[in-house]
PDB file of N, CA and C in Angstrom:
ATOM      1  N   MET A   1     132.779  -5.191-133.428  1.00  0.00           N
ATOM      2  CA  MET A   1     133.183  -6.424-132.775  1.00  0.00           C
ATOM      3  C   MET A   1     134.622  -6.810-133.135  1.00  0.00           C
ATOM      4  N   SER A   2     135.010  -6.582-134.398  1.00  0.00           N
ATOM      5  CA  SER A   2     136.381  -6.940-134.769  1.00  0.00           C
ATOM      6  C   SER A   2     137.388  -6.092-134.004  1.00  0.00           C
ATOM      7  N   LYS A   3     137.020  -4.845-133.643  1.00  0.00           N
ATOM      8  CA  LYS A   3     137.928  -3.998-132.870  1.00  0.00           C
ATOM      9  C   LYS A   3     138.233  -4.643-131.524  1.00  0.00           C
ATOM     10  N   ALA A   4     137.228  -5.232-130.884  1.00  0.00           N
ATOM     11  CA  ALA A   4     137.447  -5.902-129.596  1.00  0.00           C
ATOM     12  C   ALA A   4     138.403  -7.085-129.766  1.00  0.00           C
ATOM     13  N   ILE A   5     138.265  -7.812-130.848  1.00  0.00           N
ATOM     14  CA  ILE A   5     139.159  -8.950-131.101  1.00  0.00           C
ATOM     15  C   ILE A   5     140.560  -8.444-131.437  1.00  0.00           C
ATOM     16  N   PHE A   6     140.635  -7.369-132.220  1.00  0.00           N
ATOM     17  CA  PHE A   6     141.939  -6.764-132.505  1.00  0.00           C
ATOM     18  C   PHE A   6     142.616  -6.360-131.199  1.00  0.00           C
ATOM     19  N   ASP A   7     141.837  -5.789-130.261  1.00  0.00           N
ATOM     20  CA  ASP A   7     142.391  -5.396-128.958  1.00  0.00           C
ATOM     21  C   ASP A   7     142.937  -6.609-128.207  1.00  0.00           C
ATOM     22  N   GLN A   8     142.215  -7.740-128.276  1.00  0.00           N
ATOM     23  CA  GLN A   8     142.672  -8.968-127.622  1.00  0.00           C
ATOM     24  C   GLN A   8     143.965  -9.473-128.262  1.00  0.00           C
ATOM     25  N   ILE A   9     144.040  -9.386-129.584  1.00  0.00           N
ATOM     26  CA  ILE A   9     145.252  -9.814-130.288  1.00  0.00           C
ATOM     27  C   ILE A   9     146.420  -8.925-129.887  1.00  0.00           C
ATOM     28  N   GLU A  10     146.179  -7.612-129.842  1.00  0.00           N
ATOM     29  CA  GLU A  10     147.242  -6.683-129.444  1.00  0.00           C
ATOM     30  C   GLU A  10     147.728  -6.982-128.030  1.00  0.00           C
ATOM     31  N   ALA A  11     146.795  -7.257-127.114  1.00  0.00           N
ATOM     32  CA  ALA A  11     147.165  -7.577-125.731  1.00  0.00           C
ATOM     33  C   ALA A  11     147.978  -8.866-125.672  1.00  0.00           C
ATOM     34  N   ALA A  12     147.585  -9.859-126.464  1.00  0.00           N
ATOM     35  CA  ALA A  12     148.320 -11.129-126.487  1.00  0.00           C
ATOM     36  C   ALA A  12     149.732 -10.932-127.025  1.00  0.00           C
ATOM     37  N   VAL A  13     149.880 -10.104-128.051  1.00  0.00           N
ATOM     38  CA  VAL A  13     151.214  -9.852-128.613  1.00  0.00           C
ATOM     39  C   VAL A  13     152.083  -9.127-127.591  1.00  0.00           C
ATOM     40  N   LYS A  14     151.500  -8.182-126.862  1.00  0.00           N
ATOM     41  CA  LYS A  14     152.269  -7.476-125.829  1.00  0.00           C
ATOM     42  C   LYS A  14     152.681  -8.428-124.711  1.00  0.00           C
ATOM     43  N   ALA A  15     151.771  -9.315-124.316  1.00  0.00           N
ATOM     44  CA  ALA A  15     152.033 -10.218-123.187  1.00  0.00           C
ATOM     45  C   ALA A  15     152.916 -11.405-123.563  1.00  0.00           C
ATOM     46  N   LYS A  16     152.723 -11.951-124.764  1.00  0.00           N
ATOM     47  CA  LYS A  16     153.406 -13.194-125.152  1.00  0.00           C
ATOM     48  C   LYS A  16     154.179 -13.043-126.458  1.00  0.00           C
ATOM     49  N   GLY A  17     154.650 -11.840-126.737  1.00  0.00           N
ATOM     50  CA  GLY A  17     155.269 -11.543-128.028  1.00  0.00           C
ATOM     51  C   GLY A  17     156.331 -12.517-128.473  1.00  0.00           C
ATOM     52  N   ALA A  18     157.331 -12.769-127.627  1.00  0.00           N
ATOM     53  CA  ALA A  18     158.437 -13.650-128.019  1.00  0.00           C
ATOM     54  C   ALA A  18     157.938 -15.061-128.329  1.00  0.00           C
ATOM     55  N   GLU A  19     157.008 -15.541-127.528  1.00  0.00           N
ATOM     56  CA  GLU A  19     156.431 -16.878-127.749  1.00  0.00           C
ATOM     57  C   GLU A  19     155.667 -16.919-129.075  1.00  0.00           C
ATOM     58  N   LEU A  20     154.894 -15.865-129.355  1.00  0.00           N
ATOM     59  CA  LEU A  20     154.114 -15.821-130.590  1.00  0.00           C
ATOM     60  C   LEU A  20     155.007 -15.659-131.816  1.00  0.00           C
ATOM     61  N   VAL A  21     156.124 -14.950-131.668  1.00  0.00           N
ATOM     62  CA  VAL A  21     157.073 -14.816-132.778  1.00  0.00           C
ATOM     63  C   VAL A  21     157.617 -16.194-133.153  1.00  0.00           C
ATOM     64  N   LYS A  22     157.901 -17.027-132.149  1.00  0.00           N
ATOM     65  CA  LYS A  22     158.371 -18.394-132.423  1.00  0.00           C
ATOM     66  C   LYS A  22     157.302 -19.197-133.160  1.00  0.00           C
ATOM     67  N   MET A  23     156.031 -18.986-132.792  1.00  0.00           N
ATOM     68  CA  MET A  23     154.926 -19.708-133.429  1.00  0.00           C
ATOM     69  C   MET A  23     154.642 -19.185-134.836  1.00  0.00           C
ATOM     70  N   GLY A  24     154.667 -17.869-134.982  1.00  0.00           N
ATOM     71  CA  GLY A  24     154.235 -17.248-136.232  1.00  0.00           C
ATOM     72  C   GLY A  24     155.331 -17.110-137.267  1.00  0.00           C
ATOM     73  N   GLY A  25     156.391 -16.413-136.913  1.00  0.00           N
ATOM     74  CA  GLY A  25     157.505 -16.226-137.829  1.00  0.00           C
ATOM     75  C   GLY A  25     157.148 -15.509-139.117  1.00  0.00           C
ATOM     76  N   ALA A  26     156.127 -14.636-139.065  1.00  0.00           N
ATOM     77  CA  ALA A  26     155.675 -13.966-140.282  1.00  0.00           C
ATOM     78  C   ALA A  26     154.966 -12.660-139.925  1.00  0.00           C
ATOM     79  N   VAL A  27     154.723 -11.865-140.950  1.00  0.00           N
ATOM     80  CA  VAL A  27     153.923 -10.649-140.798  1.00  0.00           C
ATOM     81  C   VAL A  27     152.559 -10.936-141.417  1.00  0.00           C
ATOM     82  N   PHE A  28     151.519 -10.831-140.599  1.00  0.00           N
ATOM     83  CA  PHE A  28     150.148 -11.118-141.012  1.00  0.00           C
ATOM     84  C   PHE A  28     149.376  -9.814-141.176  1.00  0.00           C
ATOM     85  N   GLN A  29     148.668  -9.665-142.276  1.00  0.00           N
ATOM     86  CA  GLN A  29     147.791  -8.520-142.485  1.00  0.00           C
ATOM     87  C   GLN A  29     146.360  -9.037-142.433  1.00  0.00           C
ATOM     88  N   LEU A  30     145.564  -8.502-141.506  1.00  0.00           N
ATOM     89  CA  LEU A  30     144.153  -8.858-141.411  1.00  0.00           C
ATOM     90  C   LEU A  30     143.326  -7.703-141.954  1.00  0.00           C
ATOM     91  N   ASN A  31     142.526  -7.972-142.972  1.00  0.00           N
ATOM     92  CA  ASN A  31     141.588  -6.997-143.514  1.00  0.00           C
ATOM     93  C   ASN A  31     140.192  -7.533-143.231  1.00  0.00           C
ATOM     94  N   VAL A  32     139.545  -6.927-142.249  1.00  0.00           N
ATOM     95  CA  VAL A  32     138.242  -7.409-141.786  1.00  0.00           C
ATOM     96  C   VAL A  32     137.236  -6.282-141.970  1.00  0.00           C
ATOM     97  N   GLY A  33     136.356  -6.440-142.956  1.00  0.00           N
ATOM     98  CA  GLY A  33     135.436  -5.346-143.256  1.00  0.00           C
ATOM     99  C   GLY A  33     136.243  -4.103-143.589  1.00  0.00           C
ATOM    100  N   ASN A  34     135.988  -3.018-142.875  1.00  0.00           N
ATOM    101  CA  ASN A  34     136.740  -1.773-143.078  1.00  0.00           C
ATOM    102  C   ASN A  34     137.922  -1.640-142.127  1.00  0.00           C
ATOM    103  N   ASP A  35     138.109  -2.606-141.240  1.00  0.00           N
ATOM    104  CA  ASP A  35     139.191  -2.562-140.253  1.00  0.00           C
ATOM    105  C   ASP A  35     140.402  -3.341-140.760  1.00  0.00           C
ATOM    106  N   LYS A  36     141.579  -2.836-140.403  1.00  0.00           N
ATOM    107  CA  LYS A  36     142.818  -3.501-140.810  1.00  0.00           C
ATOM    108  C   LYS A  36     143.768  -3.550-139.628  1.00  0.00           C
ATOM    109  N   LEU A  37     144.442  -4.683-139.484  1.00  0.00           N
ATOM    110  CA  LEU A  37     145.440  -4.852-138.437  1.00  0.00           C
ATOM    111  C   LEU A  37     146.614  -5.629-139.011  1.00  0.00           C
ATOM    112  N   CYS A  38     147.812  -5.106-138.798  1.00  0.00           N
ATOM    113  CA  CYS A  38     149.033  -5.803-139.191  1.00  0.00           C
ATOM    114  C   CYS A  38     149.655  -6.381-137.925  1.00  0.00           C
ATOM    115  N   ILE A  39     149.929  -7.673-137.941  1.00  0.00           N
ATOM    116  CA  ILE A  39     150.526  -8.362-136.797  1.00  0.00           C
ATOM    117  C   ILE A  39     151.915  -8.829-137.221  1.00  0.00           C
ATOM    118  N   ASP A  40     152.931  -8.209-136.660  1.00  0.00           N
ATOM    119  CA  ASP A  40     154.311  -8.567-136.993  1.00  0.00           C
ATOM    120  C   ASP A  40     154.812  -9.580-135.971  1.00  0.00           C
ATOM    121  N   LEU A  41     154.843 -10.831-136.370  1.00  0.00           N
ATOM    122  CA  LEU A  41     155.370 -11.902-135.524  1.00  0.00           C
ATOM    123  C   LEU A  41     156.628 -12.474-136.169  1.00  0.00           C
ATOM    124  N   LYS A  42     157.383 -11.574-136.777  1.00  0.00           N
ATOM    125  CA  LYS A  42     158.607 -11.962-137.462  1.00  0.00           C
ATOM    126  C   LYS A  42     159.811 -11.243-136.860  1.00  0.00           C
ATOM    127  N   ASN A  43     159.589 -10.045-136.398  1.00  0.00           N
ATOM    128  CA  ASN A  43     160.678  -9.180-135.956  1.00  0.00           C
ATOM    129  C   ASN A  43     160.592  -8.878-134.464  1.00  0.00           C
ATOM    130  N   GLY A  44     161.740  -8.921-133.801  1.00  0.00           N
ATOM    131  CA  GLY A  44     161.804  -8.572-132.380  1.00  0.00           C
ATOM    132  C   GLY A  44     160.914  -9.456-131.535  1.00  0.00           C
ATOM    133  N   SER A  45     160.163  -8.816-130.636  1.00  0.00           N
ATOM    134  CA  SER A  45     159.242  -9.567-129.775  1.00  0.00           C
ATOM    135  C   SER A  45     157.802  -9.372-130.223  1.00  0.00           C
ATOM    136  N   GLY A  46     157.616  -9.030-131.487  1.00  0.00           N
ATOM    137  CA  GLY A  46     156.284  -8.900-132.054  1.00  0.00           C
ATOM    138  C   GLY A  46     155.698  -7.519-131.845  1.00  0.00           C
ATOM    139  N   SER A  47     154.803  -7.138-132.748  1.00  0.00           N
ATOM    140  CA  SER A  47     154.125  -5.853-132.638  1.00  0.00           C
ATOM    141  C   SER A  47     152.860  -5.879-133.477  1.00  0.00           C
ATOM    142  N   THR A  48     151.997  -4.909-133.224  1.00  0.00           N
ATOM    143  CA  THR A  48     150.779  -4.760-134.010  1.00  0.00           C
ATOM    144  C   THR A  48     150.672  -3.314-134.466  1.00  0.00           C
ATOM    145  N   LYS A  49     149.940  -3.122-135.547  1.00  0.00           N
ATOM    146  CA  LYS A  49     149.741  -1.776-136.085  1.00  0.00           C
ATOM    147  C   LYS A  49     148.398  -1.748-136.788  1.00  0.00           C
ATOM    148  N   HIS A  50     147.569  -0.768-136.443  1.00  0.00           N
ATOM    149  CA  HIS A  50     146.304  -0.607-137.159  1.00  0.00           C
ATOM    150  C   HIS A  50     146.601  -0.046-138.542  1.00  0.00           C
ATOM    151  N   GLY A  51     145.899  -0.547-139.530  1.00  0.00           N
ATOM    152  CA  GLY A  51     146.124  -0.128-140.906  1.00  0.00           C
ATOM    153  C   GLY A  51     146.938  -1.162-141.655  1.00  0.00           C
ATOM    154  N   ASP A  52     147.458  -0.744-142.787  1.00  0.00           N
ATOM    155  CA  ASP A  52     148.235  -1.646-143.636  1.00  0.00           C
ATOM    156  C   ASP A  52     149.660  -1.799-143.129  1.00  0.00           C
ATOM    157  N   GLY A  53     150.169  -3.012-143.206  1.00  0.00           N
ATOM    158  CA  GLY A  53     151.561  -3.269-142.868  1.00  0.00           C
ATOM    159  C   GLY A  53     152.453  -2.954-144.054  1.00  0.00           C
ATOM    160  N   ASP A  54     153.749  -2.836-143.800  1.00  0.00           N
ATOM    161  CA  ASP A  54     154.687  -2.489-144.868  1.00  0.00           C
ATOM    162  C   ASP A  54     154.833  -3.611-145.888  1.00  0.00           C
ATOM    163  N   LYS A  55     155.192  -4.788-145.429  1.00  0.00           N
ATOM    164  CA  LYS A  55     155.382  -5.918-146.340  1.00  0.00           C
ATOM    165  C   LYS A  55     154.886  -7.196-145.678  1.00  0.00           C
ATOM    166  N   PRO A  56     153.559  -7.389-145.632  1.00  0.00           N
ATOM    167  CA  PRO A  56     153.067  -8.619-144.999  1.00  0.00           C
ATOM    168  C   PRO A  56     153.447  -9.854-145.818  1.00  0.00           C
ATOM    169  N   ASP A  57     153.702 -10.942-145.104  1.00  0.00           N
ATOM    170  CA  ASP A  57     153.984 -12.216-145.761  1.00  0.00           C
ATOM    171  C   ASP A  57     152.700 -12.860-146.260  1.00  0.00           C
ATOM    172  N   VAL A  58     151.606 -12.599-145.544  1.00  0.00           N
ATOM    173  CA  VAL A  58     150.311 -13.152-145.923  1.00  0.00           C
ATOM    174  C   VAL A  58     149.222 -12.150-145.531  1.00  0.00           C
ATOM    175  N   THR A  59     148.245 -11.995-146.413  1.00  0.00           N
ATOM    176  CA  THR A  59     147.121 -11.096-146.163  1.00  0.00           C
ATOM    177  C   THR A  59     145.845 -11.916-146.164  1.00  0.00           C
ATOM    178  N   LEU A  60     145.054 -11.757-145.100  1.00  0.00           N
ATOM    179  CA  LEU A  60     143.785 -12.461-144.977  1.00  0.00           C
ATOM    180  C   LEU A  60     142.663 -11.431-145.007  1.00  0.00           C
ATOM    181  N   THR A  61     141.693 -11.638-145.892  1.00  0.00           N
ATOM    182  CA  THR A  61     140.584 -10.711-146.059  1.00  0.00           C
ATOM    183  C   THR A  61     139.281 -11.470-145.856  1.00  0.00           C
ATOM    184  N   MET A  62     138.406 -10.913-144.998  1.00  0.00           N
ATOM    185  CA  MET A  62     137.122 -11.561-144.736  1.00  0.00           C
ATOM    186  C   MET A  62     136.120 -10.555-144.188  1.00  0.00           C
ATOM    187  N   LYS A  63     134.865 -10.955-144.168  1.00  0.00           N
ATOM    188  CA  LYS A  63     133.818 -10.131-143.570  1.00  0.00           C
ATOM    189  C   LYS A  63     133.944 -10.199-142.056  1.00  0.00           C
ATOM    190  N   GLU A  64     133.416  -9.174-141.408  1.00  0.00           N
ATOM    191  CA  GLU A  64     133.533  -9.106-139.953  1.00  0.00           C
ATOM    192  C   GLU A  64     132.874 -10.294-139.257  1.00  0.00           C
ATOM    193  N   GLU A  65     131.673 -10.670-139.690  1.00  0.00           N
ATOM    194  CA  GLU A  65     130.984 -11.768-139.002  1.00  0.00           C
ATOM    195  C   GLU A  65     131.750 -13.085-139.126  1.00  0.00           C
ATOM    196  N   ASP A  66     132.414 -13.294-140.256  1.00  0.00           N
ATOM    197  CA  ASP A  66     133.209 -14.513-140.432  1.00  0.00           C
ATOM    198  C   ASP A  66     134.464 -14.477-139.561  1.00  0.00           C
ATOM    199  N   PHE A  67     135.080 -13.294-139.441  1.00  0.00           N
ATOM    200  CA  PHE A  67     136.258 -13.148-138.582  1.00  0.00           C
ATOM    201  C   PHE A  67     135.895 -13.399-137.129  1.00  0.00           C
ATOM    202  N   VAL A  68     134.759 -12.860-136.698  1.00  0.00           N
ATOM    203  CA  VAL A  68     134.307 -13.057-135.316  1.00  0.00           C
ATOM    204  C   VAL A  68     134.094 -14.549-135.051  1.00  0.00           C
ATOM    205  N   ALA A  69     133.458 -15.242-135.989  1.00  0.00           N
ATOM    206  CA  ALA A  69     133.224 -16.685-135.834  1.00  0.00           C
ATOM    207  C   ALA A  69     134.546 -17.451-135.820  1.00  0.00           C
ATOM    208  N   MET A  70     135.486 -17.049-136.662  1.00  0.00           N
ATOM    209  CA  MET A  70     136.776 -17.727-136.705  1.00  0.00           C
ATOM    210  C   MET A  70     137.556 -17.485-135.418  1.00  0.00           C
ATOM    211  N   ALA A  71     137.550 -16.258-134.936  1.00  0.00           N
ATOM    212  CA  ALA A  71     138.273 -15.933-133.705  1.00  0.00           C
ATOM    213  C   ALA A  71     137.677 -16.653-132.504  1.00  0.00           C
ATOM    214  N   ALA A  72     136.371 -16.913-132.539  1.00  0.00           N
ATOM    215  CA  ALA A  72     135.698 -17.607-131.445  1.00  0.00           C
ATOM    216  C   ALA A  72     135.845 -19.121-131.550  1.00  0.00           C
ATOM    217  N   GLY A  73     136.451 -19.597-132.636  1.00  0.00           N
ATOM    218  CA  GLY A  73     136.623 -21.033-132.820  1.00  0.00           C
ATOM    219  C   GLY A  73     135.402 -21.713-133.402  1.00  0.00           C
ATOM    220  N   LYS A  74     134.433 -20.923-133.875  1.00  0.00           N
ATOM    221  CA  LYS A  74     133.203 -21.489-134.441  1.00  0.00           C
ATOM    222  C   LYS A  74     133.306 -21.723-135.947  1.00  0.00           C
ATOM    223  N   LEU A  75     134.305 -21.111-136.572  1.00  0.00           N
ATOM    224  CA  LEU A  75     134.521 -21.284-138.007  1.00  0.00           C
ATOM    225  C   LEU A  75     135.982 -21.660-138.220  1.00  0.00           C
ATOM    226  N   ASP A  76     136.200 -22.797-138.834  1.00  0.00           N
ATOM    227  CA  ASP A  76     137.549 -23.269-139.135  1.00  0.00           C
ATOM    228  C   ASP A  76     138.115 -22.471-140.309  1.00  0.00           C
ATOM    229  N   GLY A  77     139.373 -22.081-140.205  1.00  0.00           N
ATOM    230  CA  GLY A  77     140.008 -21.298-141.256  1.00  0.00           C
ATOM    231  C   GLY A  77     139.996 -21.986-142.607  1.00  0.00           C
ATOM    232  N   MET A  78     140.256 -23.283-142.632  1.00  0.00           N
ATOM    233  CA  MET A  78     140.262 -24.026-143.892  1.00  0.00           C
ATOM    234  C   MET A  78     138.862 -24.056-144.502  1.00  0.00           C
ATOM    235  N   GLN A  79     137.844 -24.271-143.659  1.00  0.00           N
ATOM    236  CA  GLN A  79     136.465 -24.265-144.147  1.00  0.00           C
ATOM    237  C   GLN A  79     136.093 -22.888-144.680  1.00  0.00           C
ATOM    238  N   ALA A  80     136.534 -21.848-143.981  1.00  0.00           N
ATOM    239  CA  ALA A  80     136.250 -20.484-144.425  1.00  0.00           C
ATOM    240  C   ALA A  80     136.884 -20.231-145.791  1.00  0.00           C
ATOM    241  N   PHE A  81     138.121 -20.685-145.960  1.00  0.00           N
ATOM    242  CA  PHE A  81     138.814 -20.498-147.231  1.00  0.00           C
ATOM    243  C   PHE A  81     138.126 -21.278-148.348  1.00  0.00           C
ATOM    244  N   MET A  82     137.848 -22.551-148.092  1.00  0.00           N
ATOM    245  CA  MET A  82     137.220 -23.397-149.109  1.00  0.00           C
ATOM    246  C   MET A  82     135.820 -22.910-149.463  1.00  0.00           C
ATOM    247  N   GLY A  83     135.129 -22.304-148.487  1.00  0.00           N
ATOM    248  CA  GLY A  83     133.779 -21.795-148.713  1.00  0.00           C
ATOM    249  C   GLY A  83     133.741 -20.383-149.274  1.00  0.00           C
ATOM    250  N   GLY A  84     134.904 -19.812-149.560  1.00  0.00           N
ATOM    251  CA  GLY A  84     134.952 -18.475-150.135  1.00  0.00           C
ATOM    252  C   GLY A  84     134.757 -17.346-149.137  1.00  0.00           C
ATOM    253  N   LYS A  85     134.750 -17.669-147.853  1.00  0.00           N
ATOM    254  CA  LYS A  85     134.565 -16.641-146.827  1.00  0.00           C
ATOM    255  C   LYS A  85     135.878 -15.975-146.434  1.00  0.00           C
ATOM    256  N   LEU A  86     136.987 -16.581-146.803  1.00  0.00           N
ATOM    257  CA  LEU A  86     138.315 -16.084-146.469  1.00  0.00           C
ATOM    258  C   LEU A  86     139.157 -16.056-147.735  1.00  0.00           C
ATOM    259  N   LYS A  87     139.707 -14.880-148.024  1.00  0.00           N
ATOM    260  CA  LYS A  87     140.609 -14.745-149.167  1.00  0.00           C
ATOM    261  C   LYS A  87     142.025 -14.584-148.627  1.00  0.00           C
ATOM    262  N   ILE A  88     142.957 -15.287-149.247  1.00  0.00           N
ATOM    263  CA  ILE A  88     144.347 -15.265-148.793  1.00  0.00           C
ATOM    264  C   ILE A  88     145.241 -14.841-149.953  1.00  0.00           C
ATOM    265  N   ALA A  89     146.111 -13.869-149.674  1.00  0.00           N
ATOM    266  CA  ALA A  89     147.111 -13.442-150.655  1.00  0.00           C
ATOM    267  C   ALA A  89     148.482 -13.591-150.009  1.00  0.00           C
ATOM    268  N   GLY A  90     149.452 -14.010-150.793  1.00  0.00           N
ATOM    269  CA  GLY A  90     150.792 -14.212-150.247  1.00  0.00           C
ATOM    270  C   GLY A  90     151.018 -15.677-149.926  1.00  0.00           C
ATOM    271  N   ASN A  91     151.830 -15.934-148.926  1.00  0.00           N
ATOM    272  CA  ASN A  91     152.214 -17.290-148.547  1.00  0.00           C
ATOM    273  C   ASN A  91     151.067 -17.981-147.804  1.00  0.00           C
ATOM    274  N   MET A  92     150.337 -18.810-148.526  1.00  0.00           N
ATOM    275  CA  MET A  92     149.156 -19.466-147.958  1.00  0.00           C
ATOM    276  C   MET A  92     149.503 -20.398-146.798  1.00  0.00           C
ATOM    277  N   MET A  93     150.671 -20.985-146.813  1.00  0.00           N
ATOM    278  CA  MET A  93     151.054 -21.895-145.732  1.00  0.00           C
ATOM    279  C   MET A  93     151.151 -21.148-144.399  1.00  0.00           C
ATOM    280  N   LEU A  94     151.571 -19.895-144.445  1.00  0.00           N
ATOM    281  CA  LEU A  94     151.678 -19.109-143.219  1.00  0.00           C
ATOM    282  C   LEU A  94     150.309 -18.816-142.617  1.00  0.00           C
ATOM    283  N   ALA A  95     149.290 -18.773-143.454  1.00  0.00           N
ATOM    284  CA  ALA A  95     147.941 -18.492-142.960  1.00  0.00           C
ATOM    285  C   ALA A  95     147.506 -19.540-141.937  1.00  0.00           C
ATOM    286  N   GLN A  96     147.996 -20.762-142.073  1.00  0.00           N
ATOM    287  CA  GLN A  96     147.635 -21.829-141.143  1.00  0.00           C
ATOM    288  C   GLN A  96     148.160 -21.569-139.740  1.00  0.00           C
ATOM    289  N   LYS A  97     149.186 -20.751-139.626  1.00  0.00           N
ATOM    290  CA  LYS A  97     149.756 -20.452-138.313  1.00  0.00           C
ATOM    291  C   LYS A  97     148.908 -19.464-137.528  1.00  0.00           C
ATOM    292  N   LEU A  98     147.967 -18.814-138.196  1.00  0.00           N
ATOM    293  CA  LEU A  98     147.176 -17.795-137.516  1.00  0.00           C
ATOM    294  C   LEU A  98     146.187 -18.398-136.521  1.00  0.00           C
ATOM    295  N   GLY A  99     145.702 -19.614-136.770  1.00  0.00           N
ATOM    296  CA  GLY A  99     144.744 -20.257-135.865  1.00  0.00           C
ATOM    297  C   GLY A  99     145.228 -20.326-134.428  1.00  0.00           C
ATOM    298  N   PRO A 100     146.400 -20.912-134.182  1.00  0.00           N
ATOM    299  CA  PRO A 100     146.912 -20.964-132.808  1.00  0.00           C
ATOM    300  C   PRO A 100     147.163 -19.579-132.209  1.00  0.00           C
ATOM    301  N   ILE A 101     147.499 -18.626-133.058  1.00  0.00           N
ATOM    302  CA  ILE A 101     147.725 -17.265-132.572  1.00  0.00           C
ATOM    303  C   ILE A 101     146.404 -16.652-132.118  1.00  0.00           C
ATOM    304  N   LEU A 102     145.341 -16.867-132.890  1.00  0.00           N
ATOM    305  CA  LEU A 102     144.020 -16.383-132.481  1.00  0.00           C
ATOM    306  C   LEU A 102     143.573 -17.064-131.189  1.00  0.00           C
ATOM    307  N   GLU A 103     143.881 -18.353-131.057  1.00  0.00           N
ATOM    308  CA  GLU A 103     143.530 -19.076-129.828  1.00  0.00           C
ATOM    309  C   GLU A 103     144.207 -18.457-128.615  1.00  0.00           C
ATOM    310  N   SER A 104     145.445 -18.041-128.777  1.00  0.00           N
ATOM    311  CA  SER A 104     146.168 -17.456-127.642  1.00  0.00           C
ATOM    312  C   SER A 104     145.603 -16.103-127.246  1.00  0.00           C
ATOM    313  N   ALA A 105     144.841 -15.484-128.133  1.00  0.00           N
ATOM    314  CA  ALA A 105     144.248 -14.178-127.835  1.00  0.00           C
ATOM    315  C   ALA A 105     142.880 -14.299-127.169  1.00  0.00           C
ATOM    316  N   ARG A 106     142.348 -15.515-127.083  1.00  0.00           N
ATOM    317  CA  ARG A 106     141.009 -15.695-126.479  1.00  0.00           C
ATOM    318  C   ARG A 106     141.049 -15.516-124.988  1.00  0.00           C
TER     319      ARG A 106
END
């Protein structure tokens, strides 16, 4: 299921890259279960890469079911973090920018 959401994120970055770069301004690393996606919304018109990114500004790690719920808008990122369902490494303030980016991929 996370692969389908990753595909939606990739499509959104391709379609709205420059707009998302203005919103994000960072490199996000998503580690969801065994799947990994790096979303570069810092450079150029944005890009995505499966696997680990070179130097992410923020890394978010969670279980697949929690990521699916968060991407669907059923789980708030702050609640996930406070409840231990979401681990954040790096610049925690940048993690807050991921919500609107996920919304644009819906």
